[in-house]
C-alpha cells in the first residue's frame, strides 16, 4: 500500500473512532468495554455517573460483574455471557448496585466482539436506566389493583344493600312487636324489662345494618348532636369482643364532656375502624385504651394541628402498645387503598374512611407512633354550641308513650306479609281505615275501585311486579294529588327521592319504631304540598 493510501486509511479510521467516541460520550446510556476476563477497560461519562464512580478512579481494576446484584450476577455468568459467545449479543433486564449501594434496574445489551477466526476479543455493554419505566409499571399495577379492589367494594356494597333490605324487614317486625308489647303489657316489671331489652338490641342491630351500608357510597349522612361518652358506652361490648379476652382495655371518660355534632354511624365507624387497626397491631397480651376530654384550643395550637379555627374541642384518644408505625409510613396511612397488611387481609380503605369522616365533620386526626412502643390516634371534634337538645343514645323507653291516632283511609302496600301485618295492626289500632296490597299491581286495582277515596298510600319501594316508585307514577296519572309514603331499607332510594323533587312523595327508612311510624303517617297526612319529606 502506498504511503498516501495508508495515511488516508489511518485518518479515516481515526475519524471513525472519534465519531464513535463522541456518540458514546453523548449518550445518556451506560456504555462499557470489558476484557475477556471481565475487567472494565472503558466507561463513558454516563456510566461513571450512573455507577457513582469518580472519573479519576482506575476502572481497570474493577470487574464488571461486581456491579450486579447477586441474582443478576448469576444470570450474567450462567446465561448472558454464554448467549453472547454463541449468538454475538444477549439482551436482558438486570439490577445494578452502585458504589453508594443504590440498586438500579437496567435494560442491558451484552455484545461479544470477535476476531476474524471467531474468537471473542472483548465485550461491550450498553445499559439504560429504567427506574422511571419501572416506577410507571408499578404505578400502573397499583392502579389496576386499586380498580379491582374498588370493584370488589362496589360488589360488596350492592350485596350489603340487598341483605339490608331483608334484614331491615326482619328488624322492623321485631322492633314493632316489642313496642306493641310495651304499650299493652301489664305492670309486671320483668316482662317490661325483657321487651325493652329486645327493643334496645333490635335498634343496635339496625345500626349495624346501617354501618354495613356505609360500604356503599350512597349511604345518607345525618349529623346530629351526640354525646361521645354515650357512643363509647354503647360500643364497649363490641370493642371487647373485637379485642379478645387477653387484651387489657382501659376507658377513661370525662364526665363533663361537651356535645359534638356528627352522623352517629360515622362516629361508630371511626371508633370501630381505629379499634380494628389497634387489634391488628397488638400482641396477645397487649394494652388498648380510650380516653375522652374537653380541650380549649388556642390559635397557636390550632395552627400547629392544622385546624381552621381555635376554640372548644372534644378530644378522643385511641391508643395501643402494639408494633407501632414506621415514620415513613405514617404519611401514607390515610391514603385510599394503602395497607401494610398481607394481600387479602386488608382493603386499605378503613383509615381513609376514618380520615374522610373526621374532615367532613370539621375535625382533625393526629397520629403519634413509635415502632416497638405503640400508637395513639388523637381525634379532635368541634364542640357543638347549638341549642339543639342532646339526643340520647340508648333506646327510648316506651312505657308511657302514646301513638298518634287518625281516621283517614290508608292503602298499605308491602310484599313482606309479617311487616304488612304489623303495620296494618298499628294503623287499625290508631283508628285508620286500612286497605292492604301485596304489590303495586294489586294496589292500583284497589285504588281505582275505591269510591270513598284513599287519603294516603304507604308503600314499600322494593316489590315484585311493580315497585313503589313505579306505583307512585301510576297513581299520579289517576290522581295527581295522591300522597304516598315510601319505605325502604335501601338508602340509595333516599337519594333518588331527593332528586325527584316530588311534592306528594315522602320517604321513611327501615327499620323504624312504631312510634316513629305513627308520627310520620300523621305528619304526611297533615302536611301541605310544599315538598317531599325524607325521614329517618
Protein backbone atom coordinates (compact mmCIF):
# COMPACT_ATOMS: atom_id res chain seq x y z
CA UNK A 1 0.00 0.00 0.00
CA UNK A 2 1.31 3.38 -0.93
CA UNK A 3 2.11 5.89 1.83
CA UNK A 4 -0.63 8.30 0.86
CA UNK A 5 -3.19 5.45 0.88
CA UNK A 6 -2.02 4.30 4.31
CA UNK A 7 -2.26 7.82 5.72
CA UNK A 8 -5.72 8.27 4.25
CA UNK A 9 -6.89 4.96 5.77
CA UNK A 10 -5.41 5.94 9.13
CA UNK A 11 -7.13 9.33 9.05
CA UNK A 12 -10.47 7.71 8.22
CA UNK A 13 -10.07 5.15 10.99
CA UNK A 14 -9.12 7.89 13.46
CA UNK A 15 -12.12 10.00 12.41
CA UNK A 16 -14.39 6.95 12.76
CA UNK A 17 -13.07 6.30 16.28
CA UNK A 18 -13.57 9.95 17.16
CA UNK A 19 -17.15 9.85 15.91
CA UNK A 20 -17.83 6.66 17.86
CA UNK A 21 -16.31 8.18 20.98
CA UNK A 22 -18.40 11.33 20.56
CA UNK A 23 -21.55 9.25 20.19
CA UNK A 24 -20.60 7.13 23.20
CA UNK A 25 -19.96 10.20 25.33
CA UNK A 26 -23.12 11.97 24.17
CA UNK A 27 -25.49 9.13 25.01
CA UNK A 28 -27.24 9.06 28.39
CA UNK A 29 -26.94 5.26 28.49
CA UNK A 30 -24.06 3.49 30.19
CA UNK A 31 -21.53 2.18 27.64
CA UNK A 32 -18.72 -0.04 28.90
CA UNK A 33 -15.96 -2.08 27.32
CA UNK A 34 -14.93 -5.25 29.16
CA UNK A 35 -11.94 -7.51 28.55
CA UNK A 36 -12.19 -11.26 28.15
CA UNK A 37 -11.52 -11.73 31.88
CA UNK A 38 -14.41 -9.46 32.86
CA UNK A 39 -12.45 -6.35 33.90
CA UNK A 40 -13.55 -2.89 32.77
CA UNK A 41 -11.48 -1.28 30.01
CA UNK A 42 -13.53 1.81 29.20
CA UNK A 43 -16.59 3.54 30.61
CA UNK A 44 -18.36 6.58 29.23
CA UNK A 45 -19.31 9.63 31.32
CA UNK A 46 -22.92 8.44 31.75
CA UNK A 47 -21.54 5.17 33.12
CA UNK A 48 -19.36 6.91 35.69
CA UNK A 49 -22.34 8.98 36.80
CA UNK A 50 -24.77 6.05 36.94
CA UNK A 51 -22.40 3.87 38.97
CA UNK A 52 -21.43 6.82 41.23
CA UNK A 53 -17.76 6.33 40.28
CA UNK A 54 -15.08 9.02 40.49
CA UNK A 55 -13.74 9.64 36.97
CA UNK A 56 -10.22 9.65 38.42
CA UNK A 57 -10.62 6.05 39.60
CA UNK A 58 -8.68 3.29 37.86
CA UNK A 59 -11.58 1.22 36.50
CA UNK A 60 -9.28 -1.43 35.02
CA UNK A 61 -9.10 -2.98 38.48
CA UNK A 62 -12.89 -3.38 38.66
CA UNK A 63 -14.74 -6.45 37.48
CA UNK A 64 -18.00 -5.62 35.68
CA UNK A 65 -19.89 -8.46 37.34
CA UNK A 66 -19.19 -6.83 40.70
CA UNK A 67 -21.73 -4.13 39.91
CA UNK A 68 -24.59 -6.61 39.70
CA UNK A 69 -26.86 -7.85 42.47
CA UNK A 70 -26.26 -11.49 43.35
CA UNK A 71 -29.19 -12.67 41.20
CA UNK A 72 -28.18 -10.59 38.17
CA UNK A 73 -24.53 -11.66 38.53
CA UNK A 74 -25.56 -15.31 38.45
CA UNK A 75 -27.65 -14.72 35.31
CA UNK A 76 -24.77 -12.78 33.67
CA UNK A 77 -22.27 -15.60 34.25
CA UNK A 78 -24.53 -18.57 33.54
CA UNK A 79 -26.83 -17.22 30.81
CA UNK A 80 -25.93 -13.84 29.29
CA UNK A 81 -22.22 -14.45 28.65
CA UNK A 82 -22.75 -17.91 27.07
CA UNK A 83 -25.52 -16.45 24.89
CA UNK A 84 -23.21 -13.63 23.75
CA UNK A 85 -20.44 -16.14 22.95
CA UNK A 86 -22.87 -18.20 20.89
CA UNK A 87 -25.07 -15.56 19.23
CA UNK A 88 -22.96 -12.42 19.38
CA UNK A 89 -25.41 -10.48 21.55
CA UNK A 90 -27.64 -11.05 24.56
CA UNK A 91 -30.40 -8.78 25.94
CA UNK A 92 -31.81 -8.84 29.45
CA UNK A 93 -33.05 -6.82 32.41
CA UNK A 94 -30.61 -6.58 35.30
CA UNK A 95 -30.20 -4.86 38.66
CA UNK A 96 -27.03 -2.84 39.16
CA UNK A 97 -25.58 -1.88 42.54
CA UNK A 98 -23.78 1.47 42.53
CA UNK A 99 -20.77 2.40 44.63
CA UNK A 100 -23.05 4.07 47.18
CA UNK A 101 -25.27 0.96 47.40
CA UNK A 102 -28.21 2.16 45.28
CA UNK A 103 -29.94 -0.60 43.31
CA UNK A 104 -30.81 0.49 39.77
CA UNK A 105 -32.91 -1.59 37.35
CA UNK A 106 -31.48 -1.57 33.84
CA UNK A 107 -32.17 -2.82 30.32
CA UNK A 108 -28.91 -4.27 29.04
CA UNK A 109 -27.39 -5.43 25.75
CA UNK A 110 -24.19 -7.51 26.03
CA UNK A 111 -22.14 -7.68 22.80
CA UNK A 112 -19.29 -10.14 22.15
CA UNK A 113 -16.69 -8.71 19.74
CA UNK A 114 -14.87 -11.46 17.78
CA UNK A 115 -11.80 -11.58 15.57
CA UNK A 116 -11.70 -12.99 12.03
CA UNK A 117 -11.37 -16.50 13.42
CA UNK A 118 -14.46 -16.17 15.62
CA UNK A 119 -12.63 -15.82 18.91
CA UNK A 120 -14.04 -13.28 21.40
CA UNK A 121 -11.58 -10.47 21.98
CA UNK A 122 -13.67 -8.31 24.35
CA UNK A 123 -17.23 -7.41 25.33
CA UNK A 124 -19.20 -4.20 25.36
CA UNK A 125 -22.27 -3.40 27.42
CA UNK A 126 -24.96 -0.84 26.64
CA UNK A 127 -27.24 -0.35 29.64
CA UNK A 128 -30.20 2.01 30.09
CA UNK A 129 -31.52 3.13 33.49
CA UNK A 130 -35.20 2.06 33.54
CA UNK A 131 -36.15 3.28 37.01
CA UNK A 132 -38.74 5.66 35.58
CA UNK A 133 -40.25 2.89 33.47
CA UNK A 134 -40.36 0.52 36.44
CA UNK A 135 -41.99 3.17 38.62
CA UNK A 136 -44.60 3.75 35.91
CA UNK A 137 -45.21 -0.01 35.66
CA UNK A 138 -45.56 -0.27 39.45
CA UNK A 139 -47.93 2.69 39.47
CA UNK A 140 -49.98 1.09 36.71
CA UNK A 141 -50.08 -2.18 38.63
CA UNK A 142 -51.16 -0.34 41.77
CA UNK A 143 -53.92 1.39 39.82
CA UNK A 144 -55.07 -1.95 38.41
CA UNK A 145 -55.13 -3.47 41.91
CA UNK A 146 -56.98 -0.42 43.24
CA UNK A 147 -59.53 -0.75 40.44
CA UNK A 148 -60.04 -4.43 41.26
CA UNK A 149 -60.33 -3.56 44.95
CA UNK A 150 -62.86 -0.79 44.29
CA UNK A 151 -64.87 -3.18 42.11
CA UNK A 152 -64.87 -5.70 44.96
CA UNK A 153 -66.01 -3.00 47.38
CA UNK A 154 -68.75 -1.93 44.96
CA UNK A 155 -69.89 -5.56 44.66
CA UNK A 156 -69.92 -5.95 48.44
CA UNK A 157 -71.84 -2.68 48.68
CA UNK A 158 -74.52 -3.98 46.33
CA UNK A 159 -74.66 -7.24 48.25
CA UNK A 160 -74.91 -5.31 51.51
CA UNK A 161 -77.81 -3.30 50.14
CA UNK A 162 -79.69 -6.45 49.16
CA UNK A 163 -79.05 -8.10 52.53
CA UNK A 164 -80.02 -4.93 54.38
CA UNK A 165 -83.41 -4.84 52.65
CA UNK A 166 -84.39 -8.26 54.04
CA UNK A 167 -82.62 -7.67 57.35
CA UNK A 168 -84.39 -4.36 57.91
CA UNK A 169 -87.76 -6.01 57.27
CA UNK A 170 -86.95 -8.59 59.96
CA UNK A 171 -85.85 -5.90 62.40
CA UNK A 172 -88.96 -3.83 61.68
CA UNK A 173 -91.17 -6.75 62.71
CA UNK A 174 -89.15 -7.48 65.87
CA UNK A 175 -89.00 -3.83 66.93
CA UNK A 176 -92.65 -3.21 66.11
CA UNK A 177 -94.00 -6.14 68.11
CA UNK A 178 -91.70 -5.28 71.04
CA UNK A 179 -93.14 -1.75 71.05
CA UNK A 180 -96.72 -3.01 70.81
CA UNK A 181 -95.95 -5.36 73.68
CA UNK A 182 -94.67 -2.46 75.79
CA UNK A 183 -97.83 -0.46 75.08
CA UNK A 184 -100.11 -3.32 76.12
CA UNK A 185 -98.11 -5.07 78.82
CA UNK A 186 -99.27 -5.21 82.40
CA UNK A 187 -97.30 -3.62 85.20
CA UNK A 188 -95.09 -6.69 85.55
CA UNK A 189 -91.56 -5.26 85.66
CA UNK A 190 -89.75 -8.36 84.40
CA UNK A 191 -91.85 -8.51 81.23
CA UNK A 192 -91.31 -4.82 80.56
CA UNK A 193 -87.57 -5.17 81.04
CA UNK A 194 -87.48 -8.13 78.65
CA UNK A 195 -89.39 -6.22 75.96
CA UNK A 196 -87.22 -3.13 76.45
CA UNK A 197 -84.09 -5.30 76.05
CA UNK A 198 -85.48 -6.74 72.81
CA UNK A 199 -86.21 -3.24 71.55
CA UNK A 200 -82.81 -1.91 72.63
CA UNK A 201 -80.82 -4.67 70.92
CA UNK A 202 -83.05 -4.55 67.84
CA UNK A 203 -82.13 -0.91 67.40
CA UNK A 204 -78.45 -1.78 67.82
CA UNK A 205 -78.81 -4.47 65.16
CA UNK A 206 -80.45 -1.92 62.86
CA UNK A 207 -77.47 0.40 63.37
CA UNK A 208 -75.11 -2.44 62.43
CA UNK A 209 -77.03 -2.80 59.18
CA UNK A 210 -76.58 0.93 58.66
CA UNK A 211 -72.83 0.54 59.16
CA UNK A 212 -72.84 -2.27 56.62
CA UNK A 213 -74.40 0.13 54.15
CA UNK A 214 -71.52 2.56 54.72
CA UNK A 215 -69.66 0.36 52.24
CA UNK A 216 -71.95 1.88 49.63
CA UNK A 217 -71.17 5.44 48.59
CA UNK A 218 -74.87 6.28 48.74
CA UNK A 219 -75.27 5.92 52.49
CA UNK A 220 -77.01 9.09 53.65
CA UNK A 221 -75.24 11.17 56.30
CA UNK A 222 -77.41 12.53 59.14
CA UNK A 223 -75.40 14.77 61.53
CA UNK A 224 -76.95 15.09 64.97
CA UNK A 225 -75.97 16.30 68.42
CA UNK A 226 -74.35 13.41 70.28
CA UNK A 227 -72.51 12.53 73.44
CA UNK A 228 -69.22 10.86 72.57
CA UNK A 229 -69.25 9.19 76.00
CA UNK A 230 -72.62 7.58 75.30
CA UNK A 231 -71.42 6.25 71.94
CA UNK A 232 -68.35 4.75 73.63
CA UNK A 233 -70.55 3.12 76.27
CA UNK A 234 -72.74 1.51 73.64
CA UNK A 235 -69.66 0.36 71.69
CA UNK A 236 -67.69 -1.11 74.61
CA UNK A 237 -69.23 -4.56 74.33
CA UNK A 238 -68.38 -4.78 70.63
CA UNK A 239 -64.84 -3.50 71.27
CA UNK A 240 -64.26 -6.12 73.99
CA UNK A 241 -65.42 -8.88 71.64
CA UNK A 242 -63.15 -7.46 68.92
CA UNK A 243 -60.05 -7.27 71.14
CA UNK A 244 -60.47 -10.63 72.84
CA UNK A 245 -60.06 -11.58 76.49
CA UNK A 246 -56.26 -11.32 76.56
CA UNK A 247 -56.08 -7.62 75.65
CA UNK A 248 -56.35 -5.17 78.57
CA UNK A 249 -58.85 -2.39 77.82
CA UNK A 250 -58.95 0.93 79.69
CA UNK A 251 -61.69 3.51 79.13
CA UNK A 252 -61.42 6.98 80.71
CA UNK A 253 -64.33 9.35 80.04
CA UNK A 254 -64.57 12.98 81.06
CA UNK A 255 -67.86 13.20 82.96
CA UNK A 256 -68.48 16.79 81.88
CA UNK A 257 -67.78 16.12 78.20
CA UNK A 258 -69.20 18.64 75.74
CA UNK A 259 -71.61 17.51 72.99
CA UNK A 260 -70.50 17.17 69.36
CA UNK A 261 -72.44 17.11 66.09
CA UNK A 262 -71.75 14.20 63.75
CA UNK A 263 -73.53 11.36 61.98
CA UNK A 264 -73.87 8.54 64.52
CA UNK A 265 -72.96 5.82 62.05
CA UNK A 266 -69.83 7.75 61.03
CA UNK A 267 -68.74 8.16 64.65
CA UNK A 268 -69.28 4.47 65.40
CA UNK A 269 -67.34 3.58 62.25
CA UNK A 270 -64.43 5.84 63.29
CA UNK A 271 -64.20 4.09 66.65
CA UNK A 272 -64.60 0.63 65.14
CA UNK A 273 -62.03 1.12 62.33
CA UNK A 274 -59.41 2.53 64.69
CA UNK A 275 -60.09 -0.31 67.12
CA UNK A 276 -59.57 -2.86 64.34
CA UNK A 277 -56.32 -1.09 63.47
CA UNK A 278 -55.15 -1.37 67.10
CA UNK A 279 -56.18 -5.01 67.34
CA UNK A 280 -54.08 -5.88 64.30
CA UNK A 281 -51.06 -4.12 65.84
CA UNK A 282 -51.36 -5.75 69.29
CA UNK A 283 -49.78 -8.89 70.65
CA UNK A 284 -51.92 -11.37 72.53
CA UNK A 285 -51.38 -9.63 75.90
CA UNK A 286 -51.41 -6.06 74.67
CA UNK A 287 -52.98 -2.92 76.12
CA UNK A 288 -55.65 -0.77 74.45
CA UNK A 289 -57.17 2.45 75.79
CA UNK A 290 -59.85 5.02 75.01
CA UNK A 291 -59.92 8.48 76.55
CA UNK A 292 -62.24 11.46 76.14
CA UNK A 293 -61.63 15.00 77.35
CA UNK A 294 -62.53 18.63 76.68
CA UNK A 295 -59.83 20.78 75.05
CA UNK A 296 -59.74 24.58 74.78
CA UNK A 297 -57.53 25.26 71.78
CA UNK A 298 -55.53 28.48 71.38
CA UNK A 299 -54.93 29.98 67.94
CA UNK A 300 -51.32 28.84 68.03
CA UNK A 301 -52.26 25.28 68.98
CA UNK A 302 -54.95 25.22 66.30
CA UNK A 303 -52.46 26.33 63.62
CA UNK A 304 -49.96 23.68 64.72
CA UNK A 305 -52.62 20.98 64.35
CA UNK A 306 -53.90 22.29 61.03
CA UNK A 307 -57.32 23.28 62.39
CA UNK A 308 -59.19 26.08 60.66
CA UNK A 309 -60.19 27.82 63.90
CA UNK A 310 -59.34 27.87 67.57
CA UNK A 311 -61.94 27.22 70.27
CA UNK A 312 -63.52 24.34 72.14
CA UNK A 313 -62.95 20.76 71.04
CA UNK A 314 -63.73 17.28 72.30
CA UNK A 315 -60.69 15.02 72.04
CA UNK A 316 -60.85 11.25 71.64
CA UNK A 317 -57.54 9.40 72.12
CA UNK A 318 -57.31 5.77 71.00
CA UNK A 319 -54.01 4.13 71.96
CA UNK A 320 -52.30 0.76 71.89
CA UNK A 321 -48.88 -0.58 72.84
CA UNK A 322 -48.58 -2.61 69.65
CA UNK A 323 -45.90 -2.78 66.97
CA UNK A 324 -46.14 0.91 66.06
CA UNK A 325 -45.94 2.56 62.64
CA UNK A 326 -42.74 3.45 60.83
CA UNK A 327 -42.34 7.21 60.36
CA UNK A 328 -42.01 6.76 56.59
CA UNK A 329 -45.40 5.01 56.52
CA UNK A 330 -47.37 7.44 58.71
CA UNK A 331 -47.72 9.97 55.90
CA UNK A 332 -49.45 7.34 53.73
CA UNK A 333 -51.77 5.53 56.14
CA UNK A 334 -54.81 7.67 55.28
CA UNK A 335 -54.35 7.23 51.52
CA UNK A 336 -57.10 5.15 49.87
CA UNK A 337 -56.06 1.54 49.24
CA UNK A 338 -52.78 1.90 51.15
CA UNK A 339 -52.20 -1.01 53.51
CA UNK A 340 -49.25 -2.72 55.18
CA UNK A 341 -51.27 -5.88 55.74
CA UNK A 342 -50.76 -9.06 53.78
CA UNK A 343 -52.63 -9.42 50.49
CA UNK A 344 -56.23 -10.40 51.15
CA UNK A 345 -56.17 -9.19 54.78
CA UNK A 346 -56.91 -5.51 54.28
CA UNK A 347 -58.61 -3.26 51.73
CA UNK A 348 -56.66 -0.12 52.60
CA UNK A 349 -59.96 1.74 52.98
CA UNK A 350 -60.51 1.70 56.75
CA UNK A 351 -58.24 4.59 57.74
CA UNK A 352 -59.08 6.62 54.63
CA UNK A 353 -62.77 6.34 55.60
CA UNK A 354 -61.87 7.49 59.13
CA UNK A 355 -59.96 10.49 57.78
CA UNK A 356 -62.80 11.43 55.42
CA UNK A 357 -65.46 11.23 58.11
CA UNK A 358 -63.44 13.34 60.55
CA UNK A 359 -62.66 16.00 57.95
CA UNK A 360 -66.28 16.03 56.76
CA UNK A 361 -67.36 16.96 60.28
CA UNK A 362 -64.79 19.74 60.75
CA UNK A 363 -62.45 17.67 62.91
CA UNK A 364 -58.80 16.70 62.82
CA UNK A 365 -56.84 13.49 63.42
CA UNK A 366 -53.21 13.25 64.52
CA UNK A 367 -51.08 10.11 64.69
CA UNK A 368 -48.28 9.64 67.22
CA UNK A 369 -46.35 6.40 66.88
CA UNK A 370 -43.04 4.77 67.77
CA UNK A 371 -42.00 1.44 66.29
CA UNK A 372 -41.98 -1.21 69.01
CA UNK A 373 -43.69 1.08 71.54
CA UNK A 374 -47.19 1.77 70.24
CA UNK A 375 -49.55 4.18 68.51
CA UNK A 376 -52.00 6.89 69.54
CA UNK A 377 -54.70 8.40 67.34
CA UNK A 378 -55.87 11.80 68.60
CA UNK A 379 -59.19 12.95 67.12
CA UNK A 380 -60.47 16.49 67.68
CA UNK A 381 -64.21 17.16 67.22
CA UNK A 382 -65.57 20.73 67.37
CA UNK A 383 -67.81 21.35 70.37
CA UNK A 384 -71.47 21.79 69.41
CA UNK A 385 -72.78 25.10 70.75
CA UNK A 386 -76.23 24.95 69.21
CA UNK A 387 -79.44 24.95 71.21
CA UNK A 388 -80.41 21.55 69.84
CA UNK A 389 -81.33 19.13 72.57
CA UNK A 390 -78.74 16.38 73.08
CA UNK A 391 -80.11 13.15 71.65
CA UNK A 392 -79.98 10.15 73.95
CA UNK A 393 -78.04 7.19 72.61
CA UNK A 394 -79.84 4.45 74.48
CA UNK A 395 -83.10 3.18 73.06
CA UNK A 396 -86.01 5.29 74.19
CA UNK A 397 -88.17 3.56 76.76
CA UNK A 398 -91.77 3.36 75.58
CA UNK A 399 -93.67 2.70 78.80
CA UNK A 400 -95.94 5.75 78.75
CA UNK A 401 -95.74 6.81 75.10
CA UNK A 402 -98.98 7.01 73.14
CA UNK A 403 -99.26 6.59 69.37
CA UNK A 404 -100.78 9.30 67.18
CA UNK A 405 -104.37 8.39 66.14
CA UNK A 406 -106.27 9.21 62.96
CA UNK A 407 -109.42 8.35 60.96
CA UNK A 408 -108.30 8.62 57.31
CA UNK A 409 -108.23 5.85 54.70
CA UNK A 410 -104.77 4.36 54.10
CA UNK A 411 -103.69 1.92 51.39
CA UNK A 412 -100.82 -0.20 52.78
CA UNK A 413 -98.63 -1.86 50.12
CA UNK A 414 -95.98 -4.29 51.38
CA UNK A 415 -94.85 -7.61 49.91
CA UNK A 416 -93.48 -8.90 53.24
CA UNK A 417 -96.50 -10.40 54.98
CA UNK A 418 -95.10 -10.06 58.51
CA UNK A 419 -94.28 -6.37 58.04
CA UNK A 420 -97.65 -5.74 56.39
CA UNK A 421 -99.50 -7.43 59.25
CA UNK A 422 -97.57 -5.41 61.86
CA UNK A 423 -98.17 -2.03 60.18
CA UNK A 424 -101.79 -2.87 59.45
CA UNK A 425 -102.33 -3.73 63.13
CA UNK A 426 -100.76 -0.45 64.22
CA UNK A 427 -102.84 1.63 61.80
CA UNK A 428 -106.09 -0.17 62.64
CA UNK A 429 -105.49 0.28 66.35
CA UNK A 430 -105.00 4.01 65.77
CA UNK A 431 -108.40 4.31 64.07
CA UNK A 432 -107.40 4.43 60.41
CA UNK A 433 -109.28 2.50 57.72
CA UNK A 434 -106.69 0.22 56.16
CA UNK A 435 -106.67 -1.44 52.73
CA UNK A 436 -103.87 -3.98 52.14
CA UNK A 437 -101.99 -4.98 48.97
CA UNK A 438 -99.00 -7.27 48.43
CA UNK A 439 -97.59 -5.44 45.40
CA UNK A 440 -98.06 -2.40 43.18
CA UNK A 441 -100.41 -4.09 40.72
CA UNK A 442 -102.84 -5.09 43.49
CA UNK A 443 -102.56 -1.61 44.98
CA UNK A 444 -103.52 0.07 41.69
CA UNK A 445 -106.58 -2.12 41.40
CA UNK A 446 -107.70 -1.35 44.97
CA UNK A 447 -107.05 2.38 44.50
CA UNK A 448 -109.02 2.52 41.24
CA UNK A 449 -112.05 0.67 42.65
CA UNK A 450 -112.24 2.58 45.96
CA UNK A 451 -115.12 5.03 45.68
CA UNK A 452 -114.59 6.77 49.04
CA UNK A 453 -111.01 7.70 48.10
CA UNK A 454 -107.60 6.98 49.63
CA UNK A 455 -106.01 9.69 51.76
CA UNK A 456 -102.53 8.17 51.87
CA UNK A 457 -100.65 5.32 50.21
CA UNK A 458 -97.95 3.73 52.38
CA UNK A 459 -95.74 1.54 50.19
CA UNK A 460 -92.52 -0.42 50.30
CA UNK A 461 -90.12 0.50 47.47
CA UNK A 462 -88.63 -2.88 46.56
CA UNK A 463 -91.50 -5.18 45.48
CA UNK A 464 -92.18 -7.71 42.71
CA UNK A 465 -94.30 -6.89 39.62
CA UNK A 466 -94.35 -3.14 40.30
CA UNK A 467 -92.08 -1.32 42.78
CA UNK A 468 -93.05 1.62 44.93
CA UNK A 469 -91.59 4.32 42.66
CA UNK A 470 -93.45 2.89 39.64
CA UNK A 471 -96.62 2.69 41.72
CA UNK A 472 -96.31 6.36 42.61
CA UNK A 473 -96.00 7.32 38.94
CA UNK A 474 -99.12 5.34 38.06
CA UNK A 475 -101.08 6.84 40.97
CA UNK A 476 -100.15 10.33 39.79
CA UNK A 477 -101.77 9.54 36.44
CA UNK A 478 -105.01 8.66 38.23
CA UNK A 479 -104.99 11.46 40.83
CA UNK A 480 -102.16 13.99 40.89
CA UNK A 481 -102.95 14.97 44.49
CA UNK A 482 -102.35 11.45 45.86
CA UNK A 483 -99.93 11.38 48.78
CA UNK A 484 -97.53 8.48 49.18
CA UNK A 485 -95.15 7.47 51.96
CA UNK A 486 -92.41 5.21 50.59
CA UNK A 487 -90.49 2.84 52.87
CA UNK A 488 -87.20 1.05 52.22
CA UNK A 489 -84.04 -0.28 53.82
CA UNK A 490 -82.09 0.77 50.71
CA UNK A 491 -80.52 4.15 51.39
CA UNK A 492 -79.96 4.85 47.69
CA UNK A 493 -83.74 5.19 47.41
CA UNK A 494 -83.47 8.26 49.65
CA UNK A 495 -81.13 9.85 47.15
CA UNK A 496 -83.49 9.02 44.28
CA UNK A 497 -86.44 10.59 46.10
CA UNK A 498 -84.50 13.78 46.87
CA UNK A 499 -83.62 14.06 43.19
CA UNK A 500 -87.29 13.61 42.23
CA UNK A 501 -88.41 16.80 43.96
CA UNK A 502 -91.97 15.44 44.18
CA UNK A 503 -94.27 17.38 46.50
CA UNK A 504 -96.55 14.44 47.39
CA UNK A 505 -93.85 11.77 47.92
CA UNK A 506 -92.20 11.19 51.30
CA UNK A 507 -89.72 8.58 52.45
CA UNK A 508 -89.15 6.66 55.69
CA UNK A 509 -86.06 4.48 56.21
CA UNK A 510 -86.49 0.96 57.54
CA UNK A 511 -86.40 -0.23 60.21
CA UNK A 512 -88.32 2.31 62.28
CA UNK A 513 -90.04 2.34 65.70
CA UNK A 514 -93.81 2.02 65.73
CA UNK A 515 -93.99 5.40 67.47
CA UNK A 516 -91.99 6.97 64.65
CA UNK A 517 -94.17 5.32 62.01
CA UNK A 518 -97.38 6.64 63.57
CA UNK A 519 -95.93 10.15 63.89
CA UNK A 520 -94.72 10.22 60.29
CA UNK A 521 -98.04 8.95 58.90
CA UNK A 522 -99.79 11.75 60.76
CA UNK A 523 -97.20 14.30 59.62
CA UNK A 524 -97.53 13.31 55.95
CA UNK A 525 -101.32 13.40 56.12
CA UNK A 526 -101.28 16.87 57.69
CA UNK A 527 -98.57 18.49 55.54
CA UNK A 528 -99.34 20.88 52.71
CA UNK A 529 -97.94 20.27 49.23
CA UNK A 530 -94.70 22.14 49.79
CA UNK A 531 -92.10 19.50 49.03
CA UNK A 532 -91.15 15.91 49.74
CA UNK A 533 -90.15 14.69 53.19
CA UNK A 534 -87.14 12.48 53.70
CA UNK A 535 -87.42 10.97 57.16
CA UNK A 536 -85.23 8.55 59.05
